[in-house]
Amino acid sequence: MQLRTAVMFVLALGVGGVANAAGEIVIKFSHVVAPDTPKGQAAERFKQLAEKYTKGKVKVEVYPNSQLYKDREEIEALQSGAVQMLAPSLSKFGPMGAREFELFDLPYLFPDQETLHRVMDGEVGKKLFAKLDSKGVTGLTFWDNGFKQMSSNRPMHNVADFSGLKMRIQSSKVLGAEMKALGANPQVMAFSEVYTALQQGVVDGTENPVSNFYTQKMNEVQKHMTISNHGYLGYAVIVNKKFWEGLPADVRSALTAAMKEATAFERETAQKDNDDALAKVIAAKTTTVYQLTAAERAEWQKALLPVHKEFESVIGADLIQSAYATAAQVAREQAAPKAGKKK
């Protein structure tokens, strides 16, 4: 009887659907980070909400720390249907042939979180996710890691301070161009290798949200950090397209609601983690933390903004211009109350 029920659920789900012997729809959610990270906590929050809102029709199995698949294997596993849900970093989509996602690697594109989230949650985000359809993937939402800061064993106040530095980056042509624009030598390296490389002097510095910097103990091997907010590191929550489209409409609606709540939770958690990590780095006193002056930030921006034009043909001028327009709109809204007070 149980077997017959399971078969009926599979047929009801359509191609790509998964059901267990108890008749529950199973979602295997695989990710590569620890359970106590913002992404890990949000995956667990989604599990709780999904099972609650579907009244037990769905069971979410979360597999953290690359328990099922490593960083380079997980997207292929999703496309094959071996897992149903992932939250890979945005840098993973370029190698898939969706280089438009390199929009998020552009330096100084997002002046603040408000602009960033409006771009993600608006038409630009929809256009980016549409690029994944032909690859058997459906995009659901974007999650934060945070804005990136520069670190090295040399103070980095002016662009000239980067001259000759070997700076570790993720595998991204945009990030490579960013470092070259500053006069540094980009070094592509796996995240797991960075601490040892910094310790041994294989690379001089790197860029990271402060939460990554602190949890990976980079403050033990980096003497200086500059709060630059020059770039962004984030994730996209994606599902197997056939699986998602094969779900009953009511289940898909409930899962969408659960993901919306999990996303709000994740973004708040990521911001708090970065704020807490910065306080801990300062308290540890092993790394000197420096805040750019307005003039220094303007110099960095002048050096880095040409990278936008360099990758316009790859990312799409329309996407970049949309991000500019969103930033301008947010700036106008932020200035409006201040203008009103002056009157």
Protein backbone atom coordinates (compact mmCIF):
# COMPACT_ATOMS: atom_id res chain seq x y z
CA MET A 1 0.00 0.00 0.00
CA GLN A 2 2.85 2.38 0.89
CA LEU A 3 4.58 1.64 -2.40
CA ARG A 4 1.38 2.33 -4.34
CA THR A 5 0.97 5.66 -2.49
CA ALA A 6 4.56 6.66 -3.29
CA VAL A 7 4.08 5.84 -6.97
CA MET A 8 0.88 7.91 -7.07
CA PHE A 9 2.74 10.89 -5.59
CA VAL A 10 5.50 10.60 -8.15
CA LEU A 11 2.93 10.55 -10.95
CA ALA A 12 1.13 13.52 -9.43
CA LEU A 13 4.36 15.49 -9.25
CA GLY A 14 5.29 14.90 -12.86
CA VAL A 15 8.78 14.55 -14.30
CA GLY A 16 11.45 15.56 -11.80
CA GLY A 17 9.23 15.01 -8.76
CA VAL A 18 10.49 13.10 -5.74
CA ALA A 19 8.42 11.37 -3.06
CA ASN A 20 9.36 9.00 -0.26
CA ALA A 21 7.58 5.84 0.88
CA ALA A 22 5.45 7.84 3.32
CA GLY A 23 4.07 9.92 0.45
CA GLU A 24 5.94 13.10 1.39
CA ILE A 25 7.49 15.28 -1.29
CA VAL A 26 11.21 15.31 -0.56
CA ILE A 27 13.46 18.32 -1.17
CA LYS A 28 17.15 17.66 -0.74
CA PHE A 29 18.73 21.05 0.01
CA SER A 30 22.51 20.80 -0.33
CA HIS A 31 24.98 23.55 0.54
CA VAL A 32 28.71 23.83 1.18
CA VAL A 33 28.94 25.93 4.37
CA ALA A 34 28.50 25.29 8.09
CA PRO A 35 25.03 25.12 9.71
CA ASP A 36 25.76 28.17 11.91
CA THR A 37 26.42 30.53 8.97
CA PRO A 38 23.62 32.82 7.73
CA LYS A 39 23.10 30.52 4.73
CA GLY A 40 23.08 27.43 6.94
CA GLN A 41 20.66 28.97 9.43
CA ALA A 42 18.36 30.15 6.64
CA ALA A 43 18.29 26.69 5.07
CA GLU A 44 17.11 25.30 8.40
CA ARG A 45 14.55 28.09 8.75
CA PHE A 46 13.23 27.30 5.26
CA LYS A 47 12.95 23.62 6.22
CA GLN A 48 10.86 24.44 9.28
CA LEU A 49 8.58 26.86 7.43
CA ALA A 50 8.20 24.66 4.35
CA GLU A 51 7.12 21.66 6.39
CA LYS A 52 4.77 23.82 8.44
CA TYR A 53 3.13 25.67 5.54
CA THR A 54 2.63 22.51 3.46
CA LYS A 55 1.14 20.75 6.51
CA GLY A 56 3.62 17.90 6.22
CA LYS A 57 3.25 17.30 2.48
CA VAL A 58 6.87 18.35 2.02
CA LYS A 59 9.95 17.09 3.84
CA VAL A 60 13.12 19.18 3.44
CA GLU A 61 16.41 17.39 4.04
CA VAL A 62 19.27 19.87 4.57
CA TYR A 63 22.81 18.69 3.86
CA PRO A 64 25.43 21.28 4.98
CA ASN A 65 29.23 21.28 4.75
CA SER A 66 29.39 19.59 1.32
CA GLN A 67 28.04 16.36 2.84
CA LEU A 68 26.56 15.36 -0.53
CA TYR A 69 28.48 17.36 -3.12
CA LYS A 70 31.48 19.66 -3.19
CA ASP A 71 31.41 23.22 -4.45
CA ARG A 72 32.21 22.35 -8.07
CA GLU A 73 29.86 19.36 -8.23
CA GLU A 74 26.63 20.68 -6.76
CA ILE A 75 25.15 22.50 -9.78
CA GLU A 76 25.59 19.43 -11.98
CA ALA A 77 23.89 17.40 -9.23
CA LEU A 78 20.96 19.84 -9.26
CA GLN A 79 20.61 19.71 -13.03
CA SER A 80 20.58 15.91 -12.97
CA GLY A 81 17.93 15.86 -10.23
CA ALA A 82 20.18 14.24 -7.62
CA VAL A 83 19.32 17.19 -5.35
CA GLN A 84 16.41 19.60 -5.66
CA MET A 85 17.71 22.83 -4.08
CA LEU A 86 21.01 24.72 -3.71
CA ALA A 87 22.24 28.16 -2.65
CA PRO A 88 25.54 28.60 -4.54
CA SER A 89 27.55 31.81 -4.59
CA LEU A 90 26.77 34.09 -7.52
CA SER A 91 30.22 33.52 -9.00
CA LYS A 92 29.18 29.95 -9.90
CA PHE A 93 26.81 31.06 -12.67
CA GLY A 94 29.41 32.49 -15.03
CA PRO A 95 30.98 29.06 -15.71
CA MET A 96 27.43 27.77 -16.40
CA GLY A 97 27.23 30.19 -19.31
CA ALA A 98 25.18 32.83 -17.47
CA ARG A 99 27.85 35.51 -17.29
CA GLU A 100 25.20 38.18 -16.73
CA PHE A 101 25.42 37.21 -13.04
CA GLU A 102 28.87 38.82 -13.01
CA LEU A 103 26.88 42.03 -12.55
CA PHE A 104 27.22 41.39 -8.81
CA ASP A 105 31.03 41.30 -9.07
CA LEU A 106 31.25 44.83 -10.48
CA PRO A 107 33.03 47.17 -8.05
CA TYR A 108 31.11 50.06 -6.49
CA LEU A 109 27.89 49.23 -8.33
CA PHE A 110 25.74 49.10 -5.18
CA PRO A 111 26.15 52.09 -2.84
CA ASP A 112 24.06 50.47 -0.10
CA GLN A 113 21.89 47.48 0.82
CA GLU A 114 18.67 49.22 -0.21
CA THR A 115 19.92 49.56 -3.78
CA LEU A 116 21.32 46.02 -3.81
CA HIS A 117 18.08 44.40 -2.63
CA ARG A 118 15.91 46.44 -4.99
CA VAL A 119 18.05 45.32 -7.92
CA MET A 120 17.91 41.69 -6.78
CA ASP A 121 14.21 41.64 -6.02
CA GLY A 122 13.16 43.67 -9.07
CA GLU A 123 13.27 43.33 -12.84
CA VAL A 124 17.05 42.81 -12.96
CA GLY A 125 16.79 39.80 -10.67
CA LYS A 126 13.96 38.36 -12.79
CA LYS A 127 15.97 38.82 -15.98
CA LEU A 128 18.96 37.09 -14.44
CA PHE A 129 16.92 34.12 -13.25
CA ALA A 130 15.35 33.85 -16.71
CA LYS A 131 18.85 33.12 -18.04
CA LEU A 132 18.85 29.88 -16.03
CA ASP A 133 15.66 28.42 -17.54
CA SER A 134 17.40 26.84 -20.51
CA LYS A 135 19.85 25.15 -18.14
CA GLY A 136 17.15 23.26 -16.26
CA VAL A 137 17.34 25.59 -13.27
CA THR A 138 14.76 27.90 -11.67
CA GLY A 139 15.91 30.82 -9.51
CA LEU A 140 13.87 31.55 -6.39
CA THR A 141 15.62 34.33 -4.48
CA PHE A 142 18.91 35.95 -3.51
CA TRP A 143 20.61 35.61 -0.13
CA ASP A 144 23.34 37.85 1.31
CA ASN A 145 26.82 37.21 2.55
CA GLY A 146 27.72 40.88 2.61
CA PHE A 147 29.75 43.75 1.25
CA LYS A 148 33.46 43.03 0.85
CA GLN A 149 36.43 44.69 2.52
CA MET A 150 40.10 44.61 1.50
CA SER A 151 42.78 43.08 3.73
CA SER A 152 46.56 42.63 3.49
CA ASN A 153 49.75 43.04 5.49
CA ARG A 154 50.14 46.55 4.06
CA PRO A 155 47.93 49.57 4.86
CA MET A 156 45.57 50.21 1.93
CA HIS A 157 44.43 53.82 1.95
CA ASN A 158 45.26 54.93 -1.59
CA VAL A 159 45.21 53.10 -4.91
CA ALA A 160 49.02 53.23 -5.04
CA ASP A 161 49.12 51.04 -1.90
CA PHE A 162 47.95 48.05 -3.99
CA SER A 163 50.92 48.17 -6.35
CA GLY A 164 52.43 44.69 -6.69
CA LEU A 165 50.25 43.04 -4.03
CA LYS A 166 49.25 39.42 -4.72
CA MET A 167 45.53 39.44 -3.95
CA ARG A 168 43.44 36.27 -3.75
CA ILE A 169 40.13 36.35 -5.63
CA GLN A 170 37.31 33.99 -6.53
CA SER A 171 37.33 32.69 -10.08
CA SER A 172 35.88 35.73 -11.85
CA LYS A 173 37.20 37.73 -14.78
CA VAL A 174 35.53 40.83 -13.32
CA LEU A 175 37.36 40.43 -10.02
CA GLY A 176 40.61 39.85 -11.89
CA ALA A 177 40.08 43.11 -13.79
CA GLU A 178 39.22 44.87 -10.51
CA MET A 179 42.55 43.94 -8.93
CA LYS A 180 44.50 44.85 -12.04
CA ALA A 181 42.79 48.25 -12.11
CA LEU A 182 44.16 48.84 -8.60
CA GLY A 183 47.65 47.74 -9.63
CA ALA A 184 47.52 44.40 -7.78
CA ASN A 185 48.17 40.89 -9.12
CA PRO A 186 45.01 38.74 -8.88
CA GLN A 187 45.46 35.15 -7.70
CA VAL A 188 42.54 32.73 -8.16
CA MET A 189 42.42 30.33 -5.23
CA ALA A 190 39.91 28.05 -3.48
CA PHE A 191 38.48 29.61 -0.31
CA SER A 192 39.61 26.65 1.81
CA GLU A 193 43.25 27.36 0.86
CA VAL A 194 43.29 31.08 1.65
CA TYR A 195 44.29 31.04 5.34
CA THR A 196 47.37 28.89 4.73
CA ALA A 197 48.31 30.92 1.65
CA LEU A 198 48.13 34.15 3.68
CA GLN A 199 50.07 32.58 6.54
CA GLN A 200 52.85 31.39 4.23
CA GLY A 201 52.95 34.58 2.15
CA VAL A 202 51.82 32.86 -1.05
CA VAL A 203 49.36 35.75 -1.36
CA ASP A 204 49.53 39.12 0.38
CA GLY A 205 45.85 39.82 0.86
CA THR A 206 42.28 39.20 -0.18
CA GLU A 207 38.73 40.62 -0.19
CA ASN A 208 35.91 39.31 1.98
CA PRO A 209 32.85 40.25 3.99
CA VAL A 210 34.03 40.72 7.57
CA SER A 211 32.12 37.62 8.73
CA ASN A 212 34.22 35.43 6.40
CA PHE A 213 37.39 37.24 7.45
CA TYR A 214 36.72 36.60 11.14
CA THR A 215 35.32 33.07 11.03
CA GLN A 216 38.26 31.94 8.89
CA LYS A 217 40.64 33.55 11.44
CA MET A 218 42.24 35.73 8.78
CA ASN A 219 42.74 38.39 11.43
CA GLU A 220 45.56 36.15 12.70
CA VAL A 221 47.46 36.49 9.41
CA GLN A 222 46.41 39.92 8.09
CA LYS A 223 47.70 43.11 9.72
CA HIS A 224 45.40 45.55 7.94
CA MET A 225 41.77 45.76 6.82
CA THR A 226 40.20 48.64 4.93
CA ILE A 227 36.43 49.11 5.21
CA SER A 228 35.86 49.77 1.52
CA ASN A 229 32.46 48.16 0.75
CA HIS A 230 33.77 48.03 -2.81
CA GLY A 231 32.09 44.80 -3.81
CA TYR A 232 29.46 42.27 -2.84
CA LEU A 233 29.32 38.54 -2.12
CA GLY A 234 25.99 36.74 -2.21
CA TYR A 235 24.07 33.61 -3.15
CA ALA A 236 21.14 32.57 -5.30
CA VAL A 237 18.68 29.94 -4.08
CA ILE A 238 17.90 27.70 -7.04
CA VAL A 239 15.84 24.56 -7.69
CA ASN A 240 15.67 21.87 -10.34
CA LYS A 241 13.26 23.32 -12.93
CA LYS A 242 11.39 20.09 -13.73
CA PHE A 243 10.93 19.35 -10.06
CA TRP A 244 9.64 22.85 -9.28
CA GLU A 245 7.23 22.98 -12.19
CA GLY A 246 5.98 19.48 -11.40
CA LEU A 247 4.86 20.42 -7.89
CA PRO A 248 1.13 20.89 -7.17
CA ALA A 249 0.23 24.59 -7.31
CA ASP A 250 -0.73 24.79 -3.63
CA VAL A 251 2.57 23.22 -2.55
CA ARG A 252 4.60 25.55 -4.77
CA SER A 253 2.70 28.54 -3.34
CA ALA A 254 3.39 27.42 0.24
CA LEU A 255 7.08 26.90 -0.52
CA THR A 256 7.30 30.36 -2.11
CA ALA A 257 5.88 31.89 1.08
CA ALA A 258 8.33 29.90 3.21
CA MET A 259 11.25 31.04 1.05
CA LYS A 260 10.19 34.68 1.30
CA GLU A 261 10.28 34.52 5.10
CA ALA A 262 13.55 32.58 5.12
CA THR A 263 15.08 35.23 2.85
CA ALA A 264 14.15 38.10 5.19
CA PHE A 265 15.65 36.11 8.06
CA GLU A 266 18.83 35.32 6.12
CA ARG A 267 19.49 38.93 5.14
CA GLU A 268 19.02 40.17 8.71
CA THR A 269 21.29 37.41 10.02
CA ALA A 270 24.01 38.17 7.47
CA GLN A 271 24.05 41.85 8.42
CA LYS A 272 24.20 41.06 12.14
CA ASP A 273 27.01 38.54 11.58
CA ASN A 274 29.09 41.13 9.72
CA ASP A 275 28.47 43.79 12.37
CA ASP A 276 29.38 41.37 15.17
CA ALA A 277 32.46 40.11 13.31
CA LEU A 278 33.76 43.65 12.79
CA ALA A 279 33.44 44.36 16.51
CA LYS A 280 35.37 41.15 17.27
CA VAL A 281 38.13 41.95 14.77
CA ILE A 282 38.58 45.40 16.32
CA ALA A 283 38.57 43.95 19.84
CA ALA A 284 41.19 41.31 18.95
CA LYS A 285 43.65 44.11 18.03
CA THR A 286 45.60 41.85 15.66
CA THR A 287 44.32 43.71 12.59
CA THR A 288 44.24 47.48 12.18
CA VAL A 289 40.83 48.45 10.76
CA TYR A 290 40.79 51.58 8.60
CA GLN A 291 37.77 53.51 7.27
CA LEU A 292 38.31 55.24 3.92
CA THR A 293 37.85 59.00 3.86
CA ALA A 294 35.47 60.47 1.27
CA ALA A 295 38.45 61.58 -0.86
CA GLU A 296 40.11 58.16 -0.68
CA ARG A 297 36.87 56.40 -1.60
CA ALA A 298 36.48 58.72 -4.59
CA GLU A 299 40.00 57.79 -5.73
CA TRP A 300 39.21 54.06 -5.46
CA GLN A 301 35.98 54.56 -7.39
CA LYS A 302 37.74 56.51 -10.13
CA ALA A 303 40.20 53.63 -10.59
CA LEU A 304 37.55 50.89 -10.48
CA LEU A 305 34.53 52.26 -12.33
CA PRO A 306 36.11 51.67 -15.79
CA VAL A 307 35.68 47.94 -15.06
CA HIS A 308 31.94 48.48 -15.60
CA LYS A 309 32.53 49.60 -19.18
CA GLU A 310 35.03 46.81 -19.80
CA PHE A 311 32.40 44.14 -19.06
CA GLU A 312 29.37 45.90 -20.51
CA SER A 313 29.26 43.62 -23.55
CA VAL A 314 29.49 40.49 -21.36
CA ILE A 315 27.02 41.42 -18.62
CA GLY A 316 24.70 43.60 -20.66
CA ALA A 317 24.50 47.38 -20.80
CA ASP A 318 20.79 47.20 -19.98
CA LEU A 319 21.39 45.40 -16.67
CA ILE A 320 24.15 47.78 -15.64
CA GLN A 321 22.06 50.82 -16.56
CA SER A 322 19.11 49.41 -14.59
CA ALA A 323 21.34 49.11 -11.53
CA TYR A 324 22.50 52.73 -12.01
CA ALA A 325 18.88 53.89 -12.30
CA THR A 326 17.90 52.02 -9.14
CA ALA A 327 20.83 53.57 -7.25
CA ALA A 328 19.80 57.05 -8.42
CA GLN A 329 16.19 56.46 -7.38
CA VAL A 330 17.20 55.24 -3.92
CA ALA A 331 19.50 58.26 -3.51
CA ARG A 332 16.63 60.61 -4.39
CA GLU A 333 14.34 58.93 -1.89
CA GLN A 334 16.98 59.04 0.84
CA ALA A 335 17.62 62.73 0.18
CA ALA A 336 13.94 63.73 0.10
CA PRO A 337 13.24 63.64 3.89
CA LYS A 338 16.46 65.59 4.55
CA ALA A 339 15.45 68.22 2.02
CA GLY A 340 12.06 68.46 3.68
CA LYS A 341 13.62 69.02 7.12
CA LYS A 342 15.76 71.90 5.81
CA LYS A 343 12.64 73.68 4.72
